[in-house]
Amino acid sequence: MTIDDFLKKNLKEHLSKMKALENGRLHGTVIGIVEKSLLRMVMEETSGNQSDASKILGINRNTLRKKIRDYKIEVQ
């Protein structure tokens, strides 16, 4: 199963509920939730090592730090 298949399956199940709740902000809400969850998982996987996490994510370490701060993610 690809990431795309996984997201399609899981988002499709909840799409009608999410549409009703988000009043036109569905894209931003879903992107934010997925990004925050991904950052948390990668930070846990790397035991809080931001250099390793930024390499796994393919983003600059400063970008990662900003996202951690913006999402208020606790770093070990």
PDB file of N, CA and C in Angstrom:
ATOM      1  N   MET A   1       0.850  -1.178   0.000  1.00  0.00           N
ATOM      2  CA  MET A   1       0.000   0.000   0.000  1.00  0.00           C
ATOM      3  C   MET A   1       0.894   1.239   0.000  1.00  0.00           C
ATOM      4  N   THR A   2       0.584   2.185  -0.853  1.00  0.00           N
ATOM      5  CA  THR A   2       1.348   3.422  -0.913  1.00  0.00           C
ATOM      6  C   THR A   2       0.771   4.436   0.084  1.00  0.00           C
ATOM      7  N   ILE A   3       1.523   5.490   0.316  1.00  0.00           N
ATOM      8  CA  ILE A   3       1.031   6.567   1.187  1.00  0.00           C
ATOM      9  C   ILE A   3      -0.240   7.167   0.596  1.00  0.00           C
ATOM     10  N   ASP A   4      -0.249   7.332  -0.711  1.00  0.00           N
ATOM     11  CA  ASP A   4      -1.430   7.883  -1.381  1.00  0.00           C
ATOM     12  C   ASP A   4      -2.646   6.986  -1.152  1.00  0.00           C
ATOM     13  N   ASP A   5      -2.474   5.674  -1.316  1.00  0.00           N
ATOM     14  CA  ASP A   5      -3.580   4.732  -1.079  1.00  0.00           C
ATOM     15  C   ASP A   5      -4.072   4.827   0.369  1.00  0.00           C
ATOM     16  N   PHE A   6      -3.136   4.872   1.290  1.00  0.00           N
ATOM     17  CA  PHE A   6      -3.477   4.957   2.712  1.00  0.00           C
ATOM     18  C   PHE A   6      -4.296   6.213   3.008  1.00  0.00           C
ATOM     19  N   LEU A   7      -3.827   7.355   2.500  1.00  0.00           N
ATOM     20  CA  LEU A   7      -4.534   8.614   2.747  1.00  0.00           C
ATOM     21  C   LEU A   7      -5.910   8.628   2.097  1.00  0.00           C
ATOM     22  N   LYS A   8      -5.982   8.133   0.862  1.00  0.00           N
ATOM     23  CA  LYS A   8      -7.271   8.093   0.181  1.00  0.00           C
ATOM     24  C   LYS A   8      -8.277   7.272   0.983  1.00  0.00           C
ATOM     25  N   LYS A   9      -7.847   6.098   1.415  1.00  0.00           N
ATOM     26  CA  LYS A   9      -8.743   5.220   2.166  1.00  0.00           C
ATOM     27  C   LYS A   9      -9.215   5.889   3.451  1.00  0.00           C
ATOM     28  N   ASN A  10      -8.279   6.446   4.201  1.00  0.00           N
ATOM     29  CA  ASN A  10      -8.628   7.012   5.502  1.00  0.00           C
ATOM     30  C   ASN A  10      -9.329   8.357   5.409  1.00  0.00           C
ATOM     31  N   LEU A  11      -8.929   9.189   4.486  1.00  0.00           N
ATOM     32  CA  LEU A  11      -9.596  10.481   4.346  1.00  0.00           C
ATOM     33  C   LEU A  11     -10.997  10.326   3.767  1.00  0.00           C
ATOM     34  N   LYS A  12     -11.147   9.387   2.851  1.00  0.00           N
ATOM     35  CA  LYS A  12     -12.453   9.185   2.226  1.00  0.00           C
ATOM     36  C   LYS A  12     -13.508   8.817   3.268  1.00  0.00           C
ATOM     37  N   GLU A  13     -13.117   8.021   4.242  1.00  0.00           N
ATOM     38  CA  GLU A  13     -14.043   7.611   5.292  1.00  0.00           C
ATOM     39  C   GLU A  13     -14.561   8.795   6.110  1.00  0.00           C
ATOM     40  N   HIS A  14     -13.784   9.847   6.206  1.00  0.00           N
ATOM     41  CA  HIS A  14     -14.129  10.967   7.077  1.00  0.00           C
ATOM     42  C   HIS A  14     -14.422  12.265   6.332  1.00  0.00           C
ATOM     43  N   LEU A  15     -14.352  12.238   5.014  1.00  0.00           N
ATOM     44  CA  LEU A  15     -14.464  13.473   4.232  1.00  0.00           C
ATOM     45  C   LEU A  15     -15.773  14.219   4.476  1.00  0.00           C
ATOM     46  N   SER A  16     -16.879  13.539   4.457  1.00  0.00           N
ATOM     47  CA  SER A  16     -18.147  14.254   4.617  1.00  0.00           C
ATOM     48  C   SER A  16     -18.247  14.910   5.994  1.00  0.00           C
ATOM     49  N   LYS A  17     -17.773  14.239   7.018  1.00  0.00           N
ATOM     50  CA  LYS A  17     -17.775  14.826   8.364  1.00  0.00           C
ATOM     51  C   LYS A  17     -16.850  16.043   8.419  1.00  0.00           C
ATOM     52  N   MET A  18     -15.655  15.916   7.815  1.00  0.00           N
ATOM     53  CA  MET A  18     -14.680  17.010   7.849  1.00  0.00           C
ATOM     54  C   MET A  18     -15.187  18.217   7.073  1.00  0.00           C
ATOM     55  N   LYS A  19     -15.844  17.989   5.940  1.00  0.00           N
ATOM     56  CA  LYS A  19     -16.375  19.108   5.144  1.00  0.00           C
ATOM     57  C   LYS A  19     -17.352  19.930   5.969  1.00  0.00           C
ATOM     58  N   ALA A  20     -18.183  19.274   6.717  1.00  0.00           N
ATOM     59  CA  ALA A  20     -19.185  19.968   7.520  1.00  0.00           C
ATOM     60  C   ALA A  20     -18.553  20.764   8.656  1.00  0.00           C
ATOM     61  N   LEU A  21     -17.461  20.282   9.196  1.00  0.00           N
ATOM     62  CA  LEU A  21     -16.832  20.930  10.347  1.00  0.00           C
ATOM     63  C   LEU A  21     -15.935  22.105   9.976  1.00  0.00           C
ATOM     64  N   GLU A  22     -15.302  22.047   8.824  1.00  0.00           N
ATOM     65  CA  GLU A  22     -14.243  23.018   8.520  1.00  0.00           C
ATOM     66  C   GLU A  22     -14.679  24.251   7.740  1.00  0.00           C
ATOM     67  N   ASN A  23     -15.867  24.286   7.229  1.00  0.00           N
ATOM     68  CA  ASN A  23     -16.391  25.491   6.563  1.00  0.00           C
ATOM     69  C   ASN A  23     -15.391  26.157   5.611  1.00  0.00           C
ATOM     70  N   GLY A  24     -14.886  25.396   4.647  1.00  0.00           N
ATOM     71  CA  GLY A  24     -13.996  25.959   3.642  1.00  0.00           C
ATOM     72  C   GLY A  24     -12.529  25.993   4.020  1.00  0.00           C
ATOM     73  N   ARG A  25     -12.161  25.455   5.165  1.00  0.00           N
ATOM     74  CA  ARG A  25     -10.754  25.453   5.583  1.00  0.00           C
ATOM     75  C   ARG A  25     -10.193  24.028   5.624  1.00  0.00           C
ATOM     76  N   LEU A  26     -10.809  23.132   4.883  1.00  0.00           N
ATOM     77  CA  LEU A  26     -10.437  21.724   4.943  1.00  0.00           C
ATOM     78  C   LEU A  26      -8.979  21.487   4.549  1.00  0.00           C
ATOM     79  N   HIS A  27      -8.531  22.100   3.480  1.00  0.00           N
ATOM     80  CA  HIS A  27      -7.158  21.893   3.008  1.00  0.00           C
ATOM     81  C   HIS A  27      -6.139  22.258   4.077  1.00  0.00           C
ATOM     82  N   GLY A  28      -6.233  23.445   4.595  1.00  0.00           N
ATOM     83  CA  GLY A  28      -5.285  23.896   5.608  1.00  0.00           C
ATOM     84  C   GLY A  28      -5.323  23.057   6.870  1.00  0.00           C
ATOM     85  N   THR A  29      -6.519  22.663   7.256  1.00  0.00           N
ATOM     86  CA  THR A  29      -6.673  21.845   8.460  1.00  0.00           C
ATOM     87  C   THR A  29      -6.017  20.483   8.282  1.00  0.00           C
ATOM     88  N   VAL A  30      -6.325  19.809   7.182  1.00  0.00           N
ATOM     89  CA  VAL A  30      -5.771  18.467   6.946  1.00  0.00           C
ATOM     90  C   VAL A  30      -4.258  18.524   6.789  1.00  0.00           C
ATOM     91  N   ILE A  31      -3.755  19.478   6.031  1.00  0.00           N
ATOM     92  CA  ILE A  31      -2.308  19.608   5.831  1.00  0.00           C
ATOM     93  C   ILE A  31      -1.620  19.844   7.171  1.00  0.00           C
ATOM     94  N   GLY A  32      -2.166  20.714   7.986  1.00  0.00           N
ATOM     95  CA  GLY A  32      -1.576  21.001   9.289  1.00  0.00           C
ATOM     96  C   GLY A  32      -1.547  19.790  10.202  1.00  0.00           C
ATOM     97  N   ILE A  33      -2.642  19.045  10.228  1.00  0.00           N
ATOM     98  CA  ILE A  33      -2.713  17.858  11.088  1.00  0.00           C
ATOM     99  C   ILE A  33      -1.714  16.802  10.632  1.00  0.00           C
ATOM    100  N   VAL A  34      -1.655  16.562   9.330  1.00  0.00           N
ATOM    101  CA  VAL A  34      -0.730  15.558   8.801  1.00  0.00           C
ATOM    102  C   VAL A  34       0.717  15.979   9.055  1.00  0.00           C
ATOM    103  N   GLU A  35       1.029  17.252   8.797  1.00  0.00           N
ATOM    104  CA  GLU A  35       2.398  17.725   8.996  1.00  0.00           C
ATOM    105  C   GLU A  35       2.809  17.619  10.461  1.00  0.00           C
ATOM    106  N   LYS A  36       1.949  18.046  11.357  1.00  0.00           N
ATOM    107  CA  LYS A  36       2.271  17.992  12.785  1.00  0.00           C
ATOM    108  C   LYS A  36       2.491  16.553  13.240  1.00  0.00           C
ATOM    109  N   SER A  37       1.633  15.652  12.805  1.00  0.00           N
ATOM    110  CA  SER A  37       1.782  14.236  13.167  1.00  0.00           C
ATOM    111  C   SER A  37       3.080  13.660  12.617  1.00  0.00           C
ATOM    112  N   LEU A  38       3.392  13.982  11.371  1.00  0.00           N
ATOM    113  CA  LEU A  38       4.624  13.494  10.757  1.00  0.00           C
ATOM    114  C   LEU A  38       5.852  14.006  11.508  1.00  0.00           C
ATOM    115  N   LEU A  39       5.857  15.288  11.837  1.00  0.00           N
ATOM    116  CA  LEU A  39       6.989  15.861  12.574  1.00  0.00           C
ATOM    117  C   LEU A  39       7.156  15.184  13.931  1.00  0.00           C
ATOM    118  N   ARG A  40       6.060  14.976  14.639  1.00  0.00           N
ATOM    119  CA  ARG A  40       6.135  14.295  15.944  1.00  0.00           C
ATOM    120  C   ARG A  40       6.717  12.892  15.806  1.00  0.00           C
ATOM    121  N   MET A  41       6.229  12.139  14.813  1.00  0.00           N
ATOM    122  CA  MET A  41       6.703  10.769  14.632  1.00  0.00           C
ATOM    123  C   MET A  41       8.191  10.718  14.295  1.00  0.00           C
ATOM    124  N   VAL A  42       8.630  11.603  13.418  1.00  0.00           N
ATOM    125  CA  VAL A  42      10.040  11.617  13.030  1.00  0.00           C
ATOM    126  C   VAL A  42      10.910  12.073  14.196  1.00  0.00           C
ATOM    127  N   MET A  43      10.431  13.043  14.969  1.00  0.00           N
ATOM    128  CA  MET A  43      11.201  13.481  16.134  1.00  0.00           C
ATOM    129  C   MET A  43      11.312  12.354  17.161  1.00  0.00           C
ATOM    130  N   GLU A  44      10.262  11.578  17.341  1.00  0.00           N
ATOM    131  CA  GLU A  44      10.323  10.429  18.247  1.00  0.00           C
ATOM    132  C   GLU A  44      11.287   9.381  17.708  1.00  0.00           C
ATOM    133  N   GLU A  45      11.190   9.121  16.405  1.00  0.00           N
ATOM    134  CA  GLU A  45      12.051   8.116  15.759  1.00  0.00           C
ATOM    135  C   GLU A  45      13.532   8.459  15.906  1.00  0.00           C
ATOM    136  N   THR A  46      13.840   9.756  15.883  1.00  0.00           N
ATOM    137  CA  THR A  46      15.240  10.199  15.963  1.00  0.00           C
ATOM    138  C   THR A  46      15.639  10.608  17.377  1.00  0.00           C
ATOM    139  N   SER A  47      14.790  10.287  18.352  1.00  0.00           N
ATOM    140  CA  SER A  47      15.040  10.648  19.764  1.00  0.00           C
ATOM    141  C   SER A  47      15.326  12.141  19.922  1.00  0.00           C
ATOM    142  N   GLY A  48      14.628  12.946  19.134  1.00  0.00           N
ATOM    143  CA  GLY A  48      14.755  14.397  19.239  1.00  0.00           C
ATOM    144  C   GLY A  48      15.929  15.008  18.495  1.00  0.00           C
ATOM    145  N   ASN A  49      16.666  14.208  17.736  1.00  0.00           N
ATOM    146  CA  ASN A  49      17.819  14.720  16.999  1.00  0.00           C
ATOM    147  C   ASN A  49      17.326  15.471  15.757  1.00  0.00           C
ATOM    148  N   GLN A  50      17.428  16.787  15.802  1.00  0.00           N
ATOM    149  CA  GLN A  50      16.890  17.619  14.729  1.00  0.00           C
ATOM    150  C   GLN A  50      17.666  17.488  13.432  1.00  0.00           C
ATOM    151  N   SER A  51      18.962  17.239  13.505  1.00  0.00           N
ATOM    152  CA  SER A  51      19.751  17.036  12.274  1.00  0.00           C
ATOM    153  C   SER A  51      19.285  15.786  11.551  1.00  0.00           C
ATOM    154  N   ASP A  52      19.129  14.693  12.300  1.00  0.00           N
ATOM    155  CA  ASP A  52      18.662  13.442  11.690  1.00  0.00           C
ATOM    156  C   ASP A  52      17.236  13.593  11.170  1.00  0.00           C
ATOM    157  N   ALA A  53      16.385  14.250  11.958  1.00  0.00           N
ATOM    158  CA  ALA A  53      14.990  14.435  11.550  1.00  0.00           C
ATOM    159  C   ALA A  53      14.897  15.262  10.272  1.00  0.00           C
ATOM    160  N   SER A  54      15.676  16.318  10.177  1.00  0.00           N
ATOM    161  CA  SER A  54      15.622  17.161   8.979  1.00  0.00           C
ATOM    162  C   SER A  54      16.088  16.395   7.749  1.00  0.00           C
ATOM    163  N   LYS A  55      17.060  15.487   7.915  1.00  0.00           N
ATOM    164  CA  LYS A  55      17.510  14.655   6.789  1.00  0.00           C
ATOM    165  C   LYS A  55      16.418  13.697   6.351  1.00  0.00           C
ATOM    166  N   ILE A  56      15.760  13.052   7.304  1.00  0.00           N
ATOM    167  CA  ILE A  56      14.671  12.120   6.983  1.00  0.00           C
ATOM    168  C   ILE A  56      13.538  12.852   6.269  1.00  0.00           C
ATOM    169  N   LEU A  57      13.189  14.031   6.764  1.00  0.00           N
ATOM    170  CA  LEU A  57      12.085  14.803   6.208  1.00  0.00           C
ATOM    171  C   LEU A  57      12.448  15.502   4.899  1.00  0.00           C
ATOM    172  N   GLY A  58      13.747  15.701   4.676  1.00  0.00           N
ATOM    173  CA  GLY A  58      14.182  16.397   3.471  1.00  0.00           C
ATOM    174  C   GLY A  58      13.953  17.892   3.537  1.00  0.00           C
ATOM    175  N   ILE A  59      14.046  18.434   4.762  1.00  0.00           N
ATOM    176  CA  ILE A  59      13.892  19.877   4.936  1.00  0.00           C
ATOM    177  C   ILE A  59      15.092  20.417   5.708  1.00  0.00           C
ATOM    178  N   ASN A  60      15.308  21.703   5.577  1.00  0.00           N
ATOM    179  CA  ASN A  60      16.392  22.384   6.269  1.00  0.00           C
ATOM    180  C   ASN A  60      16.152  22.327   7.774  1.00  0.00           C
ATOM    181  N   ARG A  61      17.210  22.215   8.545  1.00  0.00           N
ATOM    182  CA  ARG A  61      17.079  22.148  10.004  1.00  0.00           C
ATOM    183  C   ARG A  61      16.412  23.394  10.572  1.00  0.00           C
ATOM    184  N   ASN A  62      16.692  24.564  10.015  1.00  0.00           N
ATOM    185  CA  ASN A  62      16.042  25.796  10.490  1.00  0.00           C
ATOM    186  C   ASN A  62      14.536  25.763  10.211  1.00  0.00           C
ATOM    187  N   THR A  63      14.155  25.196   9.077  1.00  0.00           N
ATOM    188  CA  THR A  63      12.736  25.038   8.759  1.00  0.00           C
ATOM    189  C   THR A  63      12.087  24.100   9.762  1.00  0.00           C
ATOM    190  N   LEU A  64      12.764  22.999  10.077  1.00  0.00           N
ATOM    191  CA  LEU A  64      12.256  22.055  11.066  1.00  0.00           C
ATOM    192  C   LEU A  64      12.072  22.745  12.415  1.00  0.00           C
ATOM    193  N   ARG A  65      13.053  23.504  12.845  1.00  0.00           N
ATOM    194  CA  ARG A  65      12.955  24.215  14.130  1.00  0.00           C
ATOM    195  C   ARG A  65      11.753  25.153  14.159  1.00  0.00           C
ATOM    196  N   LYS A  66      11.549  25.869  13.054  1.00  0.00           N
ATOM    197  CA  LYS A  66      10.409  26.792  12.979  1.00  0.00           C
ATOM    198  C   LYS A  66       9.092  26.028  13.081  1.00  0.00           C
ATOM    199  N   LYS A  67       8.990  24.914  12.382  1.00  0.00           N
ATOM    200  CA  LYS A  67       7.762  24.123  12.423  1.00  0.00           C
ATOM    201  C   LYS A  67       7.536  23.535  13.815  1.00  0.00           C
ATOM    202  N   ILE A  68       8.594  23.091  14.478  1.00  0.00           N
ATOM    203  CA  ILE A  68       8.492  22.573  15.843  1.00  0.00           C
ATOM    204  C   ILE A  68       7.955  23.663  16.766  1.00  0.00           C
ATOM    205  N   ARG A  69       8.475  24.857  16.593  1.00  0.00           N
ATOM    206  CA  ARG A  69       8.030  25.991  17.410  1.00  0.00           C
ATOM    207  C   ARG A  69       6.584  26.359  17.076  1.00  0.00           C
ATOM    208  N   ASP A  70       6.266  26.452  15.785  1.00  0.00           N
ATOM    209  CA  ASP A  70       4.908  26.836  15.371  1.00  0.00           C
ATOM    210  C   ASP A  70       3.859  25.837  15.846  1.00  0.00           C
ATOM    211  N   TYR A  71       4.187  24.555  15.771  1.00  0.00           N
ATOM    212  CA  TYR A  71       3.240  23.509  16.188  1.00  0.00           C
ATOM    213  C   TYR A  71       3.326  23.184  17.679  1.00  0.00           C
ATOM    214  N   LYS A  72       4.259  23.848  18.368  1.00  0.00           N
ATOM    215  CA  LYS A  72       4.443  23.627  19.807  1.00  0.00           C
ATOM    216  C   LYS A  72       4.690  22.139  20.127  1.00  0.00           C
ATOM    217  N   ILE A  73       5.621  21.557  19.365  1.00  0.00           N
ATOM    218  CA  ILE A  73       5.961  20.157  19.541  1.00  0.00           C
ATOM    219  C   ILE A  73       7.027  20.052  20.616  1.00  0.00           C
ATOM    220  N   GLU A  74       6.790  19.188  21.592  1.00  0.00           N
ATOM    221  CA  GLU A  74       7.768  18.957  22.654  1.00  0.00           C
ATOM    222  C   GLU A  74       8.924  18.137  22.111  1.00  0.00           C
ATOM    223  N   VAL A  75      10.139  18.599  22.325  1.00  0.00           N
ATOM    224  CA  VAL A  75      11.330  17.896  21.856  1.00  0.00           C
ATOM    225  C   VAL A  75      12.001  17.263  23.048  1.00  0.00           C
ATOM    226  N   GLN A  76      12.370  15.998  22.902  1.00  0.00           N
ATOM    227  CA  GLN A  76      13.002  15.245  24.008  1.00  0.00           C
ATOM    228  C   GLN A  76      14.335  15.824  24.374  1.00  0.00           C
TER     229      GLN A  76
END
